[in-house]
Amino acid sequence: MQACQYNATVKAHSPERLYLPMDEKDSAAEETWQSSADSPTGAPTATTPPASSTAGRSPAEWITLALSTFVLLAIVALVLYDWQLTRNIPPAFRVEITEATRLTEGRYYVPFTLKNTGGRIARTVQVIAELHLTDGNDETGEQQFDFLSGNERKKGGFVFEHNPKSGDLIVRVASFGLP
């Protein structure tokens, strides 16, 4: 007979299995000794049985798991709701003069904001500004935006030689393409 480190004895060719005592503080070191008949070399071998996955979870871990699962599901639900709500709305545009016209080096700068109020993407959005003056001199400006997603805003500006306040300024979207 040979002595083991756990004060258990194992017979060389014993077919029965011995279970060694386990320290309650060290559950990770739980081992089961198999008999030598099960081993290809004839020597006793140690195996670790599968641990129960729910045995070591504290209430704080369960609460954290529940909260993180709820947050993840809420984000997925909001993304799906937004996608469902805006997926079939075609592009629509709103152009606003956002700031006061400024005079720099003899030219008038008119800043604007373009917003796609629709849900779908628009490509090659063309914005035109027409300044109709009272003396018959008209000026035009043109901007082109390559890409504008749903509910996206982009800023731009037009430059005129005459004061836009002295005439009628019209800023509008002239055309756009779909991807």
N, C-alpha and C. Protein backbone atom coordinates (compact mmCIF):
# COMPACT_ATOMS: atom_id res chain seq x y z
N MET A 1 0.82 -1.17 0.00
CA MET A 1 0.00 0.00 0.00
C MET A 1 0.88 1.25 0.00
N GLN A 2 0.34 2.28 -0.66
CA GLN A 2 1.12 3.50 -0.82
C GLN A 2 0.30 4.64 -0.22
N ALA A 3 0.91 5.56 0.51
CA ALA A 3 0.19 6.66 1.16
C ALA A 3 0.12 7.85 0.21
N CYS A 4 -1.05 8.52 0.18
CA CYS A 4 -1.25 9.72 -0.65
C CYS A 4 -1.14 10.94 0.26
N GLN A 5 -1.07 12.11 -0.36
CA GLN A 5 -0.91 13.33 0.41
C GLN A 5 -2.15 13.69 1.23
N TYR A 6 -3.30 13.11 0.95
CA TYR A 6 -4.52 13.40 1.69
C TYR A 6 -4.79 12.34 2.77
N ASN A 7 -3.81 11.56 3.10
CA ASN A 7 -3.91 10.51 4.09
C ASN A 7 -4.93 9.45 3.68
N ALA A 8 -5.05 9.19 2.41
CA ALA A 8 -5.91 8.12 1.92
C ALA A 8 -5.00 7.08 1.29
N THR A 9 -5.40 5.86 1.37
CA THR A 9 -4.59 4.81 0.78
C THR A 9 -5.28 4.27 -0.44
N VAL A 10 -4.50 3.91 -1.44
CA VAL A 10 -5.04 3.38 -2.69
C VAL A 10 -4.36 2.04 -2.93
N LYS A 11 -5.15 1.01 -3.19
CA LYS A 11 -4.60 -0.29 -3.54
C LYS A 11 -4.18 -0.24 -5.00
N ALA A 12 -3.17 -0.93 -5.35
CA ALA A 12 -2.60 -0.87 -6.70
C ALA A 12 -3.59 -1.30 -7.77
N HIS A 13 -4.38 -2.33 -7.58
CA HIS A 13 -5.30 -2.80 -8.60
C HIS A 13 -6.73 -2.83 -8.10
N SER A 14 -7.10 -1.85 -7.31
CA SER A 14 -8.44 -1.82 -6.73
C SER A 14 -9.43 -1.25 -7.74
N PRO A 15 -10.55 -1.94 -8.05
CA PRO A 15 -11.50 -1.43 -9.03
C PRO A 15 -12.41 -0.33 -8.47
N GLU A 16 -12.50 -0.18 -7.18
CA GLU A 16 -13.39 0.84 -6.63
C GLU A 16 -12.73 2.22 -6.71
N ARG A 17 -13.55 3.25 -6.64
CA ARG A 17 -13.05 4.63 -6.71
C ARG A 17 -12.99 5.19 -5.30
N LEU A 18 -11.97 5.96 -5.04
CA LEU A 18 -11.83 6.61 -3.75
C LEU A 18 -12.06 8.10 -3.94
N TYR A 19 -12.81 8.70 -3.08
CA TYR A 19 -13.02 10.14 -3.11
C TYR A 19 -12.27 10.72 -1.93
N LEU A 20 -11.39 11.62 -2.21
CA LEU A 20 -10.55 12.19 -1.17
C LEU A 20 -11.30 13.29 -0.46
N PRO A 21 -10.99 13.55 0.79
CA PRO A 21 -11.66 14.62 1.53
C PRO A 21 -11.30 15.98 0.92
N MET A 22 -12.29 16.87 0.90
CA MET A 22 -12.10 18.17 0.30
C MET A 22 -12.21 19.24 1.38
N ASP A 23 -11.30 20.17 1.34
CA ASP A 23 -11.36 21.29 2.26
C ASP A 23 -12.49 22.20 1.82
N GLU A 24 -13.37 22.59 2.70
CA GLU A 24 -14.53 23.41 2.35
C GLU A 24 -14.11 24.79 1.88
N LYS A 25 -12.97 25.28 2.31
CA LYS A 25 -12.53 26.61 1.91
C LYS A 25 -11.95 26.62 0.51
N ASP A 26 -11.50 25.48 0.02
CA ASP A 26 -10.83 25.42 -1.27
C ASP A 26 -11.60 24.51 -2.21
N SER A 27 -12.73 24.98 -2.72
CA SER A 27 -13.55 24.15 -3.61
C SER A 27 -12.92 24.01 -4.99
N ALA A 28 -11.99 24.91 -5.34
CA ALA A 28 -11.36 24.82 -6.65
C ALA A 28 -10.39 23.64 -6.71
N ALA A 29 -9.93 23.16 -5.55
CA ALA A 29 -8.98 22.06 -5.54
C ALA A 29 -9.66 20.71 -5.42
N GLU A 30 -10.95 20.63 -5.67
CA GLU A 30 -11.69 19.37 -5.55
C GLU A 30 -11.20 18.40 -6.61
N GLU A 31 -10.78 17.22 -6.17
CA GLU A 31 -10.28 16.22 -7.10
C GLU A 31 -10.90 14.88 -6.77
N THR A 32 -11.07 14.06 -7.74
CA THR A 32 -11.56 12.71 -7.57
C THR A 32 -10.50 11.77 -8.09
N TRP A 33 -10.16 10.77 -7.30
CA TRP A 33 -9.16 9.81 -7.73
C TRP A 33 -9.87 8.66 -8.41
N GLN A 34 -9.35 8.27 -9.58
CA GLN A 34 -9.90 7.12 -10.28
C GLN A 34 -9.03 5.92 -10.00
N SER A 35 -9.63 4.78 -10.09
CA SER A 35 -8.88 3.56 -9.80
C SER A 35 -7.87 3.28 -10.90
N SER A 36 -6.93 2.45 -10.58
CA SER A 36 -5.88 2.12 -11.54
C SER A 36 -6.41 1.28 -12.70
N ALA A 37 -7.57 0.63 -12.52
CA ALA A 37 -8.13 -0.17 -13.60
C ALA A 37 -8.61 0.72 -14.74
N ASP A 38 -9.03 1.97 -14.43
CA ASP A 38 -9.51 2.90 -15.45
C ASP A 38 -8.36 3.61 -16.16
N SER A 39 -7.18 3.60 -15.60
CA SER A 39 -6.05 4.32 -16.15
C SER A 39 -5.28 3.45 -17.12
N PRO A 40 -4.84 3.99 -18.25
CA PRO A 40 -4.07 3.19 -19.19
C PRO A 40 -2.69 2.80 -18.66
N THR A 41 -2.16 3.59 -17.74
CA THR A 41 -0.83 3.27 -17.21
C THR A 41 -0.90 2.39 -15.98
N GLY A 42 -2.08 2.23 -15.41
CA GLY A 42 -2.24 1.41 -14.23
C GLY A 42 -2.07 2.19 -12.94
N ALA A 43 -1.71 3.48 -13.02
CA ALA A 43 -1.54 4.29 -11.82
C ALA A 43 -2.81 5.08 -11.54
N PRO A 44 -3.09 5.39 -10.29
CA PRO A 44 -4.26 6.20 -9.99
C PRO A 44 -4.12 7.59 -10.62
N THR A 45 -5.20 8.14 -11.13
CA THR A 45 -5.18 9.46 -11.76
C THR A 45 -6.20 10.36 -11.09
N ALA A 46 -5.97 11.65 -11.13
CA ALA A 46 -6.88 12.63 -10.53
C ALA A 46 -7.65 13.34 -11.62
N THR A 47 -8.93 13.50 -11.43
CA THR A 47 -9.76 14.27 -12.36
C THR A 47 -10.55 15.28 -11.58
N THR A 48 -10.93 16.36 -12.21
CA THR A 48 -11.73 17.40 -11.56
C THR A 48 -13.15 17.30 -12.09
N PRO A 49 -14.13 17.07 -11.22
CA PRO A 49 -15.51 16.99 -11.69
C PRO A 49 -16.01 18.36 -12.10
N PRO A 50 -17.01 18.42 -12.99
CA PRO A 50 -17.54 19.72 -13.41
C PRO A 50 -18.19 20.45 -12.23
N ALA A 51 -17.87 21.73 -12.12
CA ALA A 51 -18.43 22.53 -11.04
C ALA A 51 -19.79 23.06 -11.46
N SER A 52 -20.66 23.22 -10.50
CA SER A 52 -21.98 23.77 -10.77
C SER A 52 -21.82 25.25 -11.07
N SER A 53 -22.42 25.75 -12.17
CA SER A 53 -22.23 27.14 -12.58
C SER A 53 -23.05 28.10 -11.74
N THR A 54 -24.08 27.66 -11.07
CA THR A 54 -24.92 28.57 -10.29
C THR A 54 -24.58 28.55 -8.82
N ALA A 55 -23.72 27.66 -8.38
CA ALA A 55 -23.46 27.53 -6.96
C ALA A 55 -22.72 28.74 -6.38
N GLY A 56 -21.83 29.37 -7.15
CA GLY A 56 -21.01 30.42 -6.60
C GLY A 56 -21.48 31.83 -6.88
N ARG A 57 -22.67 32.04 -7.39
CA ARG A 57 -23.12 33.39 -7.75
C ARG A 57 -23.79 34.06 -6.55
N SER A 58 -23.37 35.27 -6.33
CA SER A 58 -23.95 36.04 -5.22
C SER A 58 -25.16 36.82 -5.73
N PRO A 59 -25.99 37.33 -4.83
CA PRO A 59 -27.13 38.16 -5.26
C PRO A 59 -26.70 39.40 -6.05
N ALA A 60 -25.57 39.96 -5.70
CA ALA A 60 -25.08 41.14 -6.43
C ALA A 60 -24.76 40.79 -7.88
N GLU A 61 -24.20 39.60 -8.11
CA GLU A 61 -23.91 39.17 -9.48
C GLU A 61 -25.21 38.96 -10.27
N TRP A 62 -26.22 38.39 -9.64
CA TRP A 62 -27.50 38.18 -10.33
C TRP A 62 -28.15 39.52 -10.65
N ILE A 63 -28.07 40.47 -9.74
CA ILE A 63 -28.67 41.80 -9.99
C ILE A 63 -27.92 42.49 -11.13
N THR A 64 -26.59 42.40 -11.13
CA THR A 64 -25.80 43.00 -12.20
C THR A 64 -26.12 42.35 -13.54
N LEU A 65 -26.25 41.03 -13.57
CA LEU A 65 -26.60 40.33 -14.80
C LEU A 65 -27.97 40.77 -15.30
N ALA A 66 -28.94 40.87 -14.39
CA ALA A 66 -30.29 41.28 -14.79
C ALA A 66 -30.30 42.71 -15.33
N LEU A 67 -29.60 43.63 -14.66
CA LEU A 67 -29.56 45.02 -15.12
C LEU A 67 -28.86 45.16 -16.47
N SER A 68 -27.73 44.49 -16.64
CA SER A 68 -27.03 44.60 -17.92
C SER A 68 -27.83 43.97 -19.05
N THR A 69 -28.52 42.88 -18.77
CA THR A 69 -29.39 42.28 -19.80
C THR A 69 -30.53 43.21 -20.16
N PHE A 70 -31.12 43.87 -19.16
CA PHE A 70 -32.20 44.82 -19.42
C PHE A 70 -31.70 45.99 -20.27
N VAL A 71 -30.53 46.54 -19.93
CA VAL A 71 -29.98 47.67 -20.70
C VAL A 71 -29.69 47.25 -22.14
N LEU A 72 -29.12 46.08 -22.33
CA LEU A 72 -28.82 45.60 -23.67
C LEU A 72 -30.10 45.41 -24.49
N LEU A 73 -31.11 44.81 -23.89
CA LEU A 73 -32.38 44.62 -24.60
C LEU A 73 -33.06 45.95 -24.90
N ALA A 74 -32.96 46.92 -24.00
CA ALA A 74 -33.55 48.23 -24.25
C ALA A 74 -32.86 48.93 -25.42
N ILE A 75 -31.54 48.83 -25.51
CA ILE A 75 -30.81 49.45 -26.63
C ILE A 75 -31.20 48.79 -27.94
N VAL A 76 -31.27 47.47 -27.97
CA VAL A 76 -31.67 46.77 -29.19
C VAL A 76 -33.10 47.16 -29.58
N ALA A 77 -33.99 47.26 -28.61
CA ALA A 77 -35.38 47.63 -28.91
C ALA A 77 -35.47 49.05 -29.47
N LEU A 78 -34.70 49.98 -28.90
CA LEU A 78 -34.73 51.35 -29.40
C LEU A 78 -34.16 51.46 -30.81
N VAL A 79 -33.10 50.73 -31.10
CA VAL A 79 -32.53 50.74 -32.45
C VAL A 79 -33.53 50.17 -33.45
N LEU A 80 -34.17 49.08 -33.11
CA LEU A 80 -35.17 48.48 -34.00
C LEU A 80 -36.37 49.40 -34.18
N TYR A 81 -36.80 50.07 -33.11
CA TYR A 81 -37.93 51.00 -33.20
C TYR A 81 -37.58 52.17 -34.12
N ASP A 82 -36.38 52.75 -33.94
CA ASP A 82 -35.97 53.86 -34.79
C ASP A 82 -35.84 53.43 -36.25
N TRP A 83 -35.29 52.25 -36.48
CA TRP A 83 -35.16 51.74 -37.84
C TRP A 83 -36.54 51.53 -38.47
N GLN A 84 -37.47 50.97 -37.73
CA GLN A 84 -38.81 50.73 -38.25
C GLN A 84 -39.54 52.04 -38.54
N LEU A 85 -39.33 53.01 -37.67
CA LEU A 85 -40.02 54.29 -37.80
C LEU A 85 -39.54 55.09 -39.02
N THR A 86 -38.24 55.04 -39.30
CA THR A 86 -37.69 55.91 -40.34
C THR A 86 -37.29 55.20 -41.62
N ARG A 87 -37.47 53.92 -41.72
CA ARG A 87 -36.92 53.20 -42.88
C ARG A 87 -37.62 53.52 -44.19
N ASN A 88 -38.89 53.87 -44.17
CA ASN A 88 -39.63 54.10 -45.42
C ASN A 88 -39.94 55.57 -45.67
N ILE A 89 -39.40 56.46 -44.86
CA ILE A 89 -39.65 57.89 -45.08
C ILE A 89 -38.60 58.40 -46.06
N PRO A 90 -39.02 58.91 -47.21
CA PRO A 90 -38.05 59.38 -48.21
C PRO A 90 -37.36 60.66 -47.72
N PRO A 91 -36.24 61.00 -48.34
CA PRO A 91 -35.53 62.22 -47.94
C PRO A 91 -36.41 63.46 -48.13
N ALA A 92 -36.34 64.35 -47.17
CA ALA A 92 -37.00 65.65 -47.24
C ALA A 92 -36.02 66.64 -46.61
N PHE A 93 -36.04 67.89 -47.07
CA PHE A 93 -34.99 68.82 -46.67
C PHE A 93 -35.56 70.11 -46.13
N ARG A 94 -34.80 70.69 -45.20
CA ARG A 94 -35.11 72.01 -44.66
C ARG A 94 -33.81 72.81 -44.68
N VAL A 95 -33.87 73.99 -45.27
CA VAL A 95 -32.72 74.88 -45.35
C VAL A 95 -33.04 76.12 -44.52
N GLU A 96 -32.14 76.45 -43.59
CA GLU A 96 -32.35 77.61 -42.73
C GLU A 96 -31.11 78.50 -42.75
N ILE A 97 -31.34 79.81 -42.78
CA ILE A 97 -30.24 80.77 -42.61
C ILE A 97 -30.00 80.82 -41.11
N THR A 98 -28.81 80.40 -40.68
CA THR A 98 -28.57 80.19 -39.25
C THR A 98 -27.97 81.39 -38.53
N GLU A 99 -27.21 82.20 -39.24
CA GLU A 99 -26.54 83.33 -38.61
C GLU A 99 -26.77 84.59 -39.45
N ALA A 100 -26.44 85.69 -38.86
CA ALA A 100 -26.56 86.95 -39.58
C ALA A 100 -25.51 87.01 -40.70
N THR A 101 -25.86 87.70 -41.75
CA THR A 101 -24.94 87.91 -42.87
C THR A 101 -23.77 88.75 -42.38
N ARG A 102 -22.56 88.37 -42.77
CA ARG A 102 -21.39 89.14 -42.36
C ARG A 102 -20.68 89.68 -43.61
N LEU A 103 -20.09 90.83 -43.47
CA LEU A 103 -19.36 91.49 -44.55
C LEU A 103 -17.87 91.32 -44.29
N THR A 104 -17.16 90.67 -45.21
CA THR A 104 -15.72 90.47 -45.09
C THR A 104 -15.08 90.75 -46.45
N GLU A 105 -14.14 91.72 -46.46
CA GLU A 105 -13.40 92.10 -47.66
C GLU A 105 -14.32 92.39 -48.85
N GLY A 106 -15.39 93.11 -48.61
CA GLY A 106 -16.28 93.54 -49.67
C GLY A 106 -17.27 92.49 -50.17
N ARG A 107 -17.35 91.35 -49.51
CA ARG A 107 -18.28 90.28 -49.91
C ARG A 107 -19.19 89.94 -48.73
N TYR A 108 -20.40 89.52 -49.07
CA TYR A 108 -21.40 89.18 -48.06
C TYR A 108 -21.50 87.65 -47.93
N TYR A 109 -21.28 87.17 -46.72
CA TYR A 109 -21.31 85.73 -46.44
C TYR A 109 -22.62 85.39 -45.73
N VAL A 110 -23.35 84.43 -46.31
CA VAL A 110 -24.63 84.00 -45.76
C VAL A 110 -24.51 82.53 -45.35
N PRO A 111 -24.38 82.23 -44.04
CA PRO A 111 -24.30 80.84 -43.59
C PRO A 111 -25.69 80.20 -43.54
N PHE A 112 -25.73 78.89 -43.79
CA PHE A 112 -27.00 78.17 -43.74
C PHE A 112 -26.77 76.77 -43.19
N THR A 113 -27.87 76.14 -42.77
CA THR A 113 -27.86 74.75 -42.31
C THR A 113 -28.86 73.97 -43.13
N LEU A 114 -28.43 72.83 -43.62
CA LEU A 114 -29.28 71.93 -44.38
C LEU A 114 -29.56 70.71 -43.52
N LYS A 115 -30.83 70.33 -43.39
CA LYS A 115 -31.19 69.15 -42.61
C LYS A 115 -32.05 68.22 -43.44
N ASN A 116 -31.70 66.93 -43.41
CA ASN A 116 -32.53 65.91 -44.04
C ASN A 116 -33.55 65.48 -42.99
N THR A 117 -34.79 65.90 -43.13
CA THR A 117 -35.82 65.57 -42.15
C THR A 117 -36.47 64.22 -42.43
N GLY A 118 -36.09 63.59 -43.52
CA GLY A 118 -36.60 62.26 -43.84
C GLY A 118 -35.78 61.19 -43.17
N GLY A 119 -36.12 59.95 -43.42
CA GLY A 119 -35.44 58.84 -42.79
C GLY A 119 -34.39 58.18 -43.66
N ARG A 120 -34.48 58.36 -44.96
CA ARG A 120 -33.55 57.67 -45.86
C ARG A 120 -32.38 58.57 -46.23
N ILE A 121 -31.36 57.96 -46.78
CA ILE A 121 -30.13 58.65 -47.17
C ILE A 121 -30.33 59.36 -48.51
N ALA A 122 -29.72 60.53 -48.64
CA ALA A 122 -29.72 61.26 -49.91
C ALA A 122 -28.29 61.51 -50.33
N ARG A 123 -28.04 61.41 -51.62
CA ARG A 123 -26.72 61.68 -52.18
C ARG A 123 -26.80 62.87 -53.11
N THR A 124 -25.69 63.53 -53.30
CA THR A 124 -25.56 64.67 -54.20
C THR A 124 -26.71 65.66 -54.05
N VAL A 125 -26.86 66.18 -52.84
CA VAL A 125 -27.91 67.18 -52.57
C VAL A 125 -27.40 68.53 -53.04
N GLN A 126 -28.17 69.17 -53.91
CA GLN A 126 -27.78 70.46 -54.48
C GLN A 126 -28.64 71.57 -53.88
N VAL A 127 -27.97 72.55 -53.26
CA VAL A 127 -28.65 73.70 -52.65
C VAL A 127 -28.32 74.93 -53.48
N ILE A 128 -29.37 75.68 -53.82
CA ILE A 128 -29.21 76.88 -54.65
C ILE A 128 -29.72 78.09 -53.88
N ALA A 129 -28.97 79.20 -53.98
CA ALA A 129 -29.39 80.47 -53.41
C ALA A 129 -29.53 81.47 -54.56
N GLU A 130 -30.66 82.14 -54.60
CA GLU A 130 -30.93 83.15 -55.63
C GLU A 130 -31.20 84.48 -54.94
N LEU A 131 -30.44 85.49 -55.32
CA LEU A 131 -30.61 86.83 -54.77
C LEU A 131 -31.16 87.72 -55.88
N HIS A 132 -32.43 88.11 -55.73
CA HIS A 132 -33.10 88.99 -56.70
C HIS A 132 -33.06 90.41 -56.14
N LEU A 133 -32.30 91.28 -56.82
CA LEU A 133 -32.14 92.65 -56.37
C LEU A 133 -33.17 93.56 -57.05
N THR A 134 -33.46 94.68 -56.46
CA THR A 134 -34.46 95.61 -57.00
C THR A 134 -33.98 96.29 -58.28
N ASP A 135 -32.67 96.41 -58.48
CA ASP A 135 -32.17 97.08 -59.69
C ASP A 135 -32.03 96.11 -60.87
N GLY A 136 -32.45 94.85 -60.70
CA GLY A 136 -32.43 93.89 -61.80
C GLY A 136 -31.20 93.00 -61.84
N ASN A 137 -30.20 93.31 -61.02
CA ASN A 137 -29.01 92.45 -60.95
C ASN A 137 -29.32 91.26 -60.05
N ASP A 138 -29.22 90.08 -60.60
CA ASP A 138 -29.47 88.87 -59.82
C ASP A 138 -28.17 88.11 -59.64
N GLU A 139 -28.05 87.48 -58.48
CA GLU A 139 -26.89 86.64 -58.19
C GLU A 139 -27.39 85.26 -57.78
N THR A 140 -26.61 84.27 -58.10
CA THR A 140 -26.95 82.91 -57.69
C THR A 140 -25.71 82.25 -57.08
N GLY A 141 -25.97 81.30 -56.21
CA GLY A 141 -24.90 80.50 -55.62
C GLY A 141 -25.36 79.05 -55.58
N GLU A 142 -24.41 78.17 -55.53
CA GLU A 142 -24.74 76.74 -55.56
C GLU A 142 -23.80 75.99 -54.64
N GLN A 143 -24.36 75.06 -53.87
CA GLN A 143 -23.59 74.16 -53.01
C GLN A 143 -24.04 72.74 -53.30
N GLN A 144 -23.12 71.80 -53.18
CA GLN A 144 -23.48 70.40 -53.37
C GLN A 144 -22.92 69.59 -52.21
N PHE A 145 -23.79 68.77 -51.59
CA PHE A 145 -23.40 67.89 -50.50
C PHE A 145 -23.44 66.46 -51.02
N ASP A 146 -22.34 65.75 -50.85
CA ASP A 146 -22.23 64.40 -51.41
C ASP A 146 -23.11 63.38 -50.71
N PHE A 147 -23.30 63.54 -49.39
CA PHE A 147 -23.99 62.50 -48.64
C PHE A 147 -24.70 63.15 -47.46
N LEU A 148 -25.96 62.78 -47.26
CA LEU A 148 -26.74 63.31 -46.14
C LEU A 148 -27.67 62.21 -45.64
N SER A 149 -27.36 61.66 -44.45
CA SER A 149 -28.22 60.59 -43.91
C SER A 149 -29.49 61.18 -43.32
N GLY A 150 -30.39 60.28 -42.92
CA GLY A 150 -31.64 60.70 -42.31
C GLY A 150 -31.39 61.47 -41.03
N ASN A 151 -32.05 62.62 -40.87
CA ASN A 151 -31.95 63.50 -39.70
C ASN A 151 -30.56 64.09 -39.50
N GLU A 152 -29.74 64.10 -40.52
CA GLU A 152 -28.40 64.68 -40.42
C GLU A 152 -28.44 66.15 -40.81
N ARG A 153 -27.57 66.95 -40.18
CA ARG A 153 -27.44 68.37 -40.50
C ARG A 153 -26.04 68.64 -41.06
N LYS A 154 -25.99 69.52 -42.05
CA LYS A 154 -24.71 69.98 -42.58
C LYS A 154 -24.79 71.49 -42.73
N LYS A 155 -23.63 72.14 -42.56
CA LYS A 155 -23.57 73.59 -42.66
C LYS A 155 -22.81 73.99 -43.91
N GLY A 156 -23.17 75.14 -44.42
CA GLY A 156 -22.52 75.68 -45.59
C GLY A 156 -22.71 77.19 -45.62
N GLY A 157 -22.32 77.80 -46.72
CA GLY A 157 -22.47 79.24 -46.85
C GLY A 157 -22.42 79.68 -48.30
N PHE A 158 -23.07 80.80 -48.55
CA PHE A 158 -23.05 81.42 -49.88
C PHE A 158 -22.35 82.76 -49.79
N VAL A 159 -21.72 83.15 -50.88
CA VAL A 159 -20.99 84.41 -50.93
C VAL A 159 -21.58 85.26 -52.06
N PHE A 160 -21.98 86.50 -51.72
CA PHE A 160 -22.58 87.41 -52.70
C PHE A 160 -21.79 88.72 -52.72
N GLU A 161 -21.86 89.40 -53.87
CA GLU A 161 -21.22 90.70 -53.98
C GLU A 161 -22.13 91.83 -53.52
N HIS A 162 -23.44 91.59 -53.52
CA HIS A 162 -24.40 92.59 -53.07
C HIS A 162 -24.99 92.17 -51.72
N ASN A 163 -25.45 93.15 -50.98
CA ASN A 163 -26.05 92.88 -49.68
C ASN A 163 -27.38 92.12 -49.87
N PRO A 164 -27.51 90.93 -49.28
CA PRO A 164 -28.75 90.16 -49.42
C PRO A 164 -29.97 90.86 -48.82
N LYS A 165 -29.74 91.81 -47.90
CA LYS A 165 -30.86 92.53 -47.29
C LYS A 165 -31.48 93.54 -48.25
N SER A 166 -30.76 93.88 -49.32
CA SER A 166 -31.28 94.85 -50.28
C SER A 166 -32.11 94.18 -51.37
N GLY A 167 -32.34 92.90 -51.26
CA GLY A 167 -33.14 92.19 -52.26
C GLY A 167 -33.87 91.02 -51.64
N ASP A 168 -34.32 90.14 -52.48
CA ASP A 168 -35.07 88.96 -52.05
C ASP A 168 -34.17 87.73 -52.18
N LEU A 169 -33.84 87.09 -51.05
CA LEU A 169 -32.95 85.94 -51.04
C LEU A 169 -33.79 84.67 -50.89
N ILE A 170 -33.61 83.75 -51.83
CA ILE A 170 -34.30 82.46 -51.79
C ILE A 170 -33.23 81.36 -51.75
N VAL A 171 -33.30 80.55 -50.70
CA VAL A 171 -32.37 79.41 -50.56
C VAL A 171 -33.23 78.15 -50.56
N ARG A 172 -32.91 77.21 -51.47
CA ARG A 172 -33.73 76.00 -51.59
C ARG A 172 -32.89 74.84 -52.08
N VAL A 173 -33.43 73.63 -51.90
CA VAL A 173 -32.80 72.43 -52.43
C VAL A 173 -33.33 72.25 -53.85
N ALA A 174 -32.42 72.12 -54.80
CA ALA A 174 -32.81 72.00 -56.20
C ALA A 174 -32.93 70.55 -56.62
N SER A 175 -32.05 69.67 -56.12
CA SER A 175 -32.10 68.26 -56.53
C SER A 175 -31.33 67.40 -55.54
N PHE A 176 -31.56 66.10 -55.64
CA PHE A 176 -30.82 65.13 -54.84
C PHE A 176 -30.91 63.79 -55.53
N GLY A 177 -30.04 62.87 -55.13
CA GLY A 177 -30.05 61.52 -55.66
C GLY A 177 -30.23 60.51 -54.53
N LEU A 178 -30.69 59.32 -54.89
CA LEU A 178 -30.82 58.25 -53.92
C LEU A 178 -29.68 57.25 -54.11
N PRO A 179 -29.21 56.65 -53.03
CA PRO A 179 -28.09 55.70 -53.18
C PRO A 179 -28.52 54.42 -53.87
